[in-house]
Amino acid sequence: MRKLLIAMLIWGTLGATGLGQFTLGLGTQITLPALAGVSLRLWATPSVGLEGVAFVLSGGEGRVNGLLSGRGLARVASGEGASFYLAGGASALLPNADILWHLCGGIEVFLPFAPALALNTEFGFAFNPDGWSMAFGLGIHYYFGKP
């Protein structure tokens, strides 16, 4: 209960200062061929945002591996029900902490029958110590507030 009160106090303080006018999206991001993780998107303004993604992978022999990803988002075009954005950041492959850098473009479409729900597809490039590769992903997010 105490943590909830602290969170509400912080949220109210941010709202009173004008810094709480962000949009929060919770969902999943899938990087093909087979990685799926929990995604948290925070749009600080209608054009600038951040995203964090956590994947959990089974490594066989009882090992559990993972991937943590953080990146910046920039909406460069927005229309009625859809937008185009650029995303760039890095992912850490665990437990070795190998870094994978990525840059991609994405299209996000808001569903007309559920305006808080958005589907996205992404395409671009990734770079790791072995060289360049293609990146492709899909996602779905539920937005709390107006995206």
C-alpha atoms as a PDB file:
ATOM      1  CA  MET A   1       0.000   0.000   0.000  1.00  0.00           C
ATOM      2  CA  ARG A   2       2.863   2.337   0.825  1.00  0.00           C
ATOM      3  CA  LYS A   3       4.431   1.851  -2.614  1.00  0.00           C
ATOM      4  CA  LEU A   4       1.109   2.642  -4.277  1.00  0.00           C
ATOM      5  CA  LEU A   5       0.804   5.881  -2.312  1.00  0.00           C
ATOM      6  CA  ILE A   6       4.360   6.878  -3.252  1.00  0.00           C
ATOM      7  CA  ALA A   7       3.654   6.140  -6.933  1.00  0.00           C
ATOM      8  CA  MET A   8       0.453   8.210  -6.810  1.00  0.00           C
ATOM      9  CA  LEU A   9       2.326  11.091  -5.150  1.00  0.00           C
ATOM     10  CA  ILE A  10       5.029  11.037  -7.850  1.00  0.00           C
ATOM     11  CA  TRP A  11       2.404  10.825 -10.628  1.00  0.00           C
ATOM     12  CA  GLY A  12       0.463  13.759  -9.140  1.00  0.00           C
ATOM     13  CA  THR A  13       3.616  15.842  -8.755  1.00  0.00           C
ATOM     14  CA  LEU A  14       4.603  15.237 -12.369  1.00  0.00           C
ATOM     15  CA  GLY A  15       1.095  16.143 -13.520  1.00  0.00           C
ATOM     16  CA  ALA A  16       1.110  19.368 -11.494  1.00  0.00           C
ATOM     17  CA  THR A  17       4.451  20.436 -12.995  1.00  0.00           C
ATOM     18  CA  GLY A  18       3.367  19.644 -16.564  1.00  0.00           C
ATOM     19  CA  LEU A  19       5.897  16.819 -16.863  1.00  0.00           C
ATOM     20  CA  GLY A  20       3.195  14.187 -16.454  1.00  0.00           C
ATOM     21  CA  GLN A  21       1.666  14.812 -19.880  1.00  0.00           C
ATOM     22  CA  PHE A  22       3.164  11.652 -21.329  1.00  0.00           C
ATOM     23  CA  THR A  23       1.557   8.609 -22.899  1.00  0.00           C
ATOM     24  CA  LEU A  24       2.370   5.145 -21.595  1.00  0.00           C
ATOM     25  CA  GLY A  25       2.031   2.029 -23.746  1.00  0.00           C
ATOM     26  CA  LEU A  26       2.292  -1.526 -22.433  1.00  0.00           C
ATOM     27  CA  GLY A  27       2.476  -4.504 -24.745  1.00  0.00           C
ATOM     28  CA  THR A  28       4.712  -6.958 -26.487  1.00  0.00           C
ATOM     29  CA  GLN A  29       7.384  -6.620 -29.129  1.00  0.00           C
ATOM     30  CA  ILE A  30       8.326  -9.611 -31.279  1.00  0.00           C
ATOM     31  CA  THR A  31      11.622  -9.704 -33.118  1.00  0.00           C
ATOM     32  CA  LEU A  32      11.531 -12.351 -35.808  1.00  0.00           C
ATOM     33  CA  PRO A  33      12.262 -15.200 -36.114  1.00  0.00           C
ATOM     34  CA  ALA A  34      11.309 -16.114 -32.536  1.00  0.00           C
ATOM     35  CA  LEU A  35      11.952 -13.614 -29.732  1.00  0.00           C
ATOM     36  CA  ALA A  36       8.976 -12.195 -27.859  1.00  0.00           C
ATOM     37  CA  GLY A  37       9.161  -9.861 -24.889  1.00  0.00           C
ATOM     38  CA  VAL A  38       7.334  -7.374 -22.732  1.00  0.00           C
ATOM     39  CA  SER A  39       7.517  -3.813 -24.042  1.00  0.00           C
ATOM     40  CA  LEU A  40       6.997  -0.512 -22.262  1.00  0.00           C
ATOM     41  CA  ARG A  41       6.713   2.638 -24.397  1.00  0.00           C
ATOM     42  CA  LEU A  42       6.745   6.128 -22.951  1.00  0.00           C
ATOM     43  CA  TRP A  43       5.961   9.018 -25.306  1.00  0.00           C
ATOM     44  CA  ALA A  44       7.156  12.186 -23.522  1.00  0.00           C
ATOM     45  CA  THR A  45       5.667  14.299 -26.321  1.00  0.00           C
ATOM     46  CA  PRO A  46       3.588  13.310 -29.371  1.00  0.00           C
ATOM     47  CA  SER A  47       6.877  13.027 -31.333  1.00  0.00           C
ATOM     48  CA  VAL A  48       9.571  11.838 -28.886  1.00  0.00           C
ATOM     49  CA  GLY A  49       9.560   8.644 -26.847  1.00  0.00           C
ATOM     50  CA  LEU A  50      11.507   5.847 -25.216  1.00  0.00           C
ATOM     51  CA  GLU A  51      10.995   2.095 -25.245  1.00  0.00           C
ATOM     52  CA  GLY A  52      12.307  -0.703 -23.084  1.00  0.00           C
ATOM     53  CA  VAL A  53      11.892  -4.385 -23.949  1.00  0.00           C
ATOM     54  CA  ALA A  54      12.769  -7.469 -21.895  1.00  0.00           C
ATOM     55  CA  PHE A  55      12.979 -10.927 -23.518  1.00  0.00           C
ATOM     56  CA  VAL A  56      13.464 -14.259 -21.765  1.00  0.00           C
ATOM     57  CA  LEU A  57      15.065 -17.076 -23.755  1.00  0.00           C
ATOM     58  CA  SER A  58      15.506 -20.745 -22.954  1.00  0.00           C
ATOM     59  CA  GLY A  59      19.114 -21.740 -23.585  1.00  0.00           C
ATOM     60  CA  GLY A  60      18.681 -25.495 -23.137  1.00  0.00           C
ATOM     61  CA  GLU A  61      20.332 -27.612 -20.433  1.00  0.00           C
ATOM     62  CA  GLY A  62      18.356 -25.678 -17.827  1.00  0.00           C
ATOM     63  CA  ARG A  63      19.940 -22.326 -18.744  1.00  0.00           C
ATOM     64  CA  VAL A  64      17.859 -19.209 -19.070  1.00  0.00           C
ATOM     65  CA  ASN A  65      19.188 -16.416 -21.244  1.00  0.00           C
ATOM     66  CA  GLY A  66      17.710 -13.033 -21.922  1.00  0.00           C
ATOM     67  CA  LEU A  67      17.871  -9.768 -23.762  1.00  0.00           C
ATOM     68  CA  LEU A  68      17.312  -6.245 -22.488  1.00  0.00           C
ATOM     69  CA  SER A  69      16.700  -3.524 -25.039  1.00  0.00           C
ATOM     70  CA  GLY A  70      16.424   0.237 -24.772  1.00  0.00           C
ATOM     71  CA  ARG A  71      15.898   2.743 -27.536  1.00  0.00           C
ATOM     72  CA  GLY A  72      14.716   6.161 -28.492  1.00  0.00           C
ATOM     73  CA  LEU A  73      11.655   6.737 -30.694  1.00  0.00           C
ATOM     74  CA  ALA A  74      10.893   9.697 -32.958  1.00  0.00           C
ATOM     75  CA  ARG A  75       7.592  10.069 -34.844  1.00  0.00           C
ATOM     76  CA  VAL A  76       8.412  11.691 -38.165  1.00  0.00           C
ATOM     77  CA  ALA A  77       4.963  11.517 -39.776  1.00  0.00           C
ATOM     78  CA  SER A  78       1.541  11.172 -38.224  1.00  0.00           C
ATOM     79  CA  GLY A  79      -1.880  10.938 -39.793  1.00  0.00           C
ATOM     80  CA  GLU A  80      -5.356   9.896 -38.783  1.00  0.00           C
ATOM     81  CA  GLY A  81      -4.969   6.481 -37.173  1.00  0.00           C
ATOM     82  CA  ALA A  82      -1.356   5.812 -38.201  1.00  0.00           C
ATOM     83  CA  SER A  83       2.167   7.116 -37.778  1.00  0.00           C
ATOM     84  CA  PHE A  84       5.702   6.456 -39.026  1.00  0.00           C
ATOM     85  CA  TYR A  85       8.580   6.538 -36.544  1.00  0.00           C
ATOM     86  CA  LEU A  86      12.307   5.946 -36.373  1.00  0.00           C
ATOM     87  CA  ALA A  87      13.851   3.938 -33.541  1.00  0.00           C
ATOM     88  CA  GLY A  88      17.465   3.471 -32.533  1.00  0.00           C
ATOM     89  CA  GLY A  89      19.152   1.887 -29.570  1.00  0.00           C
ATOM     90  CA  ALA A  90      20.970  -1.102 -28.200  1.00  0.00           C
ATOM     91  CA  SER A  91      20.213  -4.539 -26.839  1.00  0.00           C
ATOM     92  CA  ALA A  92      22.297  -6.491 -24.332  1.00  0.00           C
ATOM     93  CA  LEU A  93      22.348 -10.249 -24.816  1.00  0.00           C
ATOM     94  CA  LEU A  94      22.529 -11.933 -21.420  1.00  0.00           C
ATOM     95  CA  PRO A  95      24.363 -13.511 -19.658  1.00  0.00           C
ATOM     96  CA  ASN A  96      27.356 -12.538 -21.846  1.00  0.00           C
ATOM     97  CA  ALA A  97      26.284  -8.866 -22.160  1.00  0.00           C
ATOM     98  CA  ASP A  98      27.085  -8.788 -25.888  1.00  0.00           C
ATOM     99  CA  ILE A  99      25.760  -5.525 -27.372  1.00  0.00           C
ATOM    100  CA  LEU A 100      23.590  -5.414 -30.497  1.00  0.00           C
ATOM    101  CA  TRP A 101      22.998  -1.922 -31.966  1.00  0.00           C
ATOM    102  CA  HIS A 102      19.909  -1.337 -34.099  1.00  0.00           C
ATOM    103  CA  LEU A 103      18.277   1.341 -36.217  1.00  0.00           C
ATOM    104  CA  CYS A 104      14.860   0.854 -37.783  1.00  0.00           C
ATOM    105  CA  GLY A 105      11.716   2.478 -39.058  1.00  0.00           C
ATOM    106  CA  GLY A 106       8.258   1.514 -37.935  1.00  0.00           C
ATOM    107  CA  ILE A 107       4.625   1.969 -38.834  1.00  0.00           C
ATOM    108  CA  GLU A 108       2.109   2.099 -35.998  1.00  0.00           C
ATOM    109  CA  VAL A 109      -1.606   1.709 -36.768  1.00  0.00           C
ATOM    110  CA  PHE A 110      -4.356   2.455 -34.251  1.00  0.00           C
ATOM    111  CA  LEU A 111      -7.408   0.253 -34.570  1.00  0.00           C
ATOM    112  CA  PRO A 112     -10.637   2.190 -35.306  1.00  0.00           C
ATOM    113  CA  PHE A 113     -12.761  -0.034 -33.049  1.00  0.00           C
ATOM    114  CA  ALA A 114     -10.195   0.179 -30.181  1.00  0.00           C
ATOM    115  CA  PRO A 115      -8.354   3.533 -30.420  1.00  0.00           C
ATOM    116  CA  ALA A 116      -6.089   2.811 -27.428  1.00  0.00           C
ATOM    117  CA  LEU A 117      -4.738  -0.350 -29.106  1.00  0.00           C
ATOM    118  CA  ALA A 118      -1.939  -0.024 -31.664  1.00  0.00           C
ATOM    119  CA  LEU A 119      -0.253  -2.566 -33.939  1.00  0.00           C
ATOM    120  CA  ASN A 120       3.231  -1.898 -35.266  1.00  0.00           C
ATOM    121  CA  THR A 121       5.690  -3.369 -37.715  1.00  0.00           C
ATOM    122  CA  GLU A 122       9.376  -2.463 -37.855  1.00  0.00           C
ATOM    123  CA  PHE A 123      12.148  -2.950 -40.379  1.00  0.00           C
ATOM    124  CA  GLY A 124      15.781  -1.916 -40.401  1.00  0.00           C
ATOM    125  CA  PHE A 125      19.344  -2.928 -39.584  1.00  0.00           C
ATOM    126  CA  ALA A 126      21.232  -4.376 -36.634  1.00  0.00           C
ATOM    127  CA  PHE A 127      24.976  -4.380 -35.976  1.00  0.00           C
ATOM    128  CA  ASN A 128      26.938  -6.673 -33.692  1.00  0.00           C
ATOM    129  CA  PRO A 129      30.614  -7.706 -33.618  1.00  0.00           C
ATOM    130  CA  ASP A 130      29.903 -10.228 -36.416  1.00  0.00           C
ATOM    131  CA  GLY A 131      28.644  -7.484 -38.768  1.00  0.00           C
ATOM    132  CA  TRP A 132      25.379  -6.087 -40.142  1.00  0.00           C
ATOM    133  CA  SER A 133      22.084  -7.938 -40.387  1.00  0.00           C
ATOM    134  CA  MET A 134      18.454  -7.183 -41.180  1.00  0.00           C
ATOM    135  CA  ALA A 135      16.018  -6.467 -38.358  1.00  0.00           C
ATOM    136  CA  PHE A 136      12.281  -7.070 -38.489  1.00  0.00           C
ATOM    137  CA  GLY A 137       9.708  -6.918 -35.723  1.00  0.00           C
ATOM    138  CA  LEU A 138       6.034  -6.780 -34.839  1.00  0.00           C
ATOM    139  CA  GLY A 139       4.285  -5.435 -31.783  1.00  0.00           C
ATOM    140  CA  ILE A 140       1.036  -4.561 -30.096  1.00  0.00           C
ATOM    141  CA  HIS A 141       0.610  -1.950 -27.359  1.00  0.00           C
ATOM    142  CA  TYR A 142      -2.237  -0.701 -25.230  1.00  0.00           C
ATOM    143  CA  TYR A 143      -1.869   3.040 -24.565  1.00  0.00           C
ATOM    144  CA  PHE A 144      -2.996   4.677 -21.329  1.00  0.00           C
ATOM    145  CA  GLY A 145      -3.818   8.245 -22.356  1.00  0.00           C
ATOM    146  CA  LYS A 146      -3.883   9.790 -25.795  1.00  0.00           C
ATOM    147  CA  PRO A 147      -0.934   8.608 -27.951  1.00  0.00           C
END
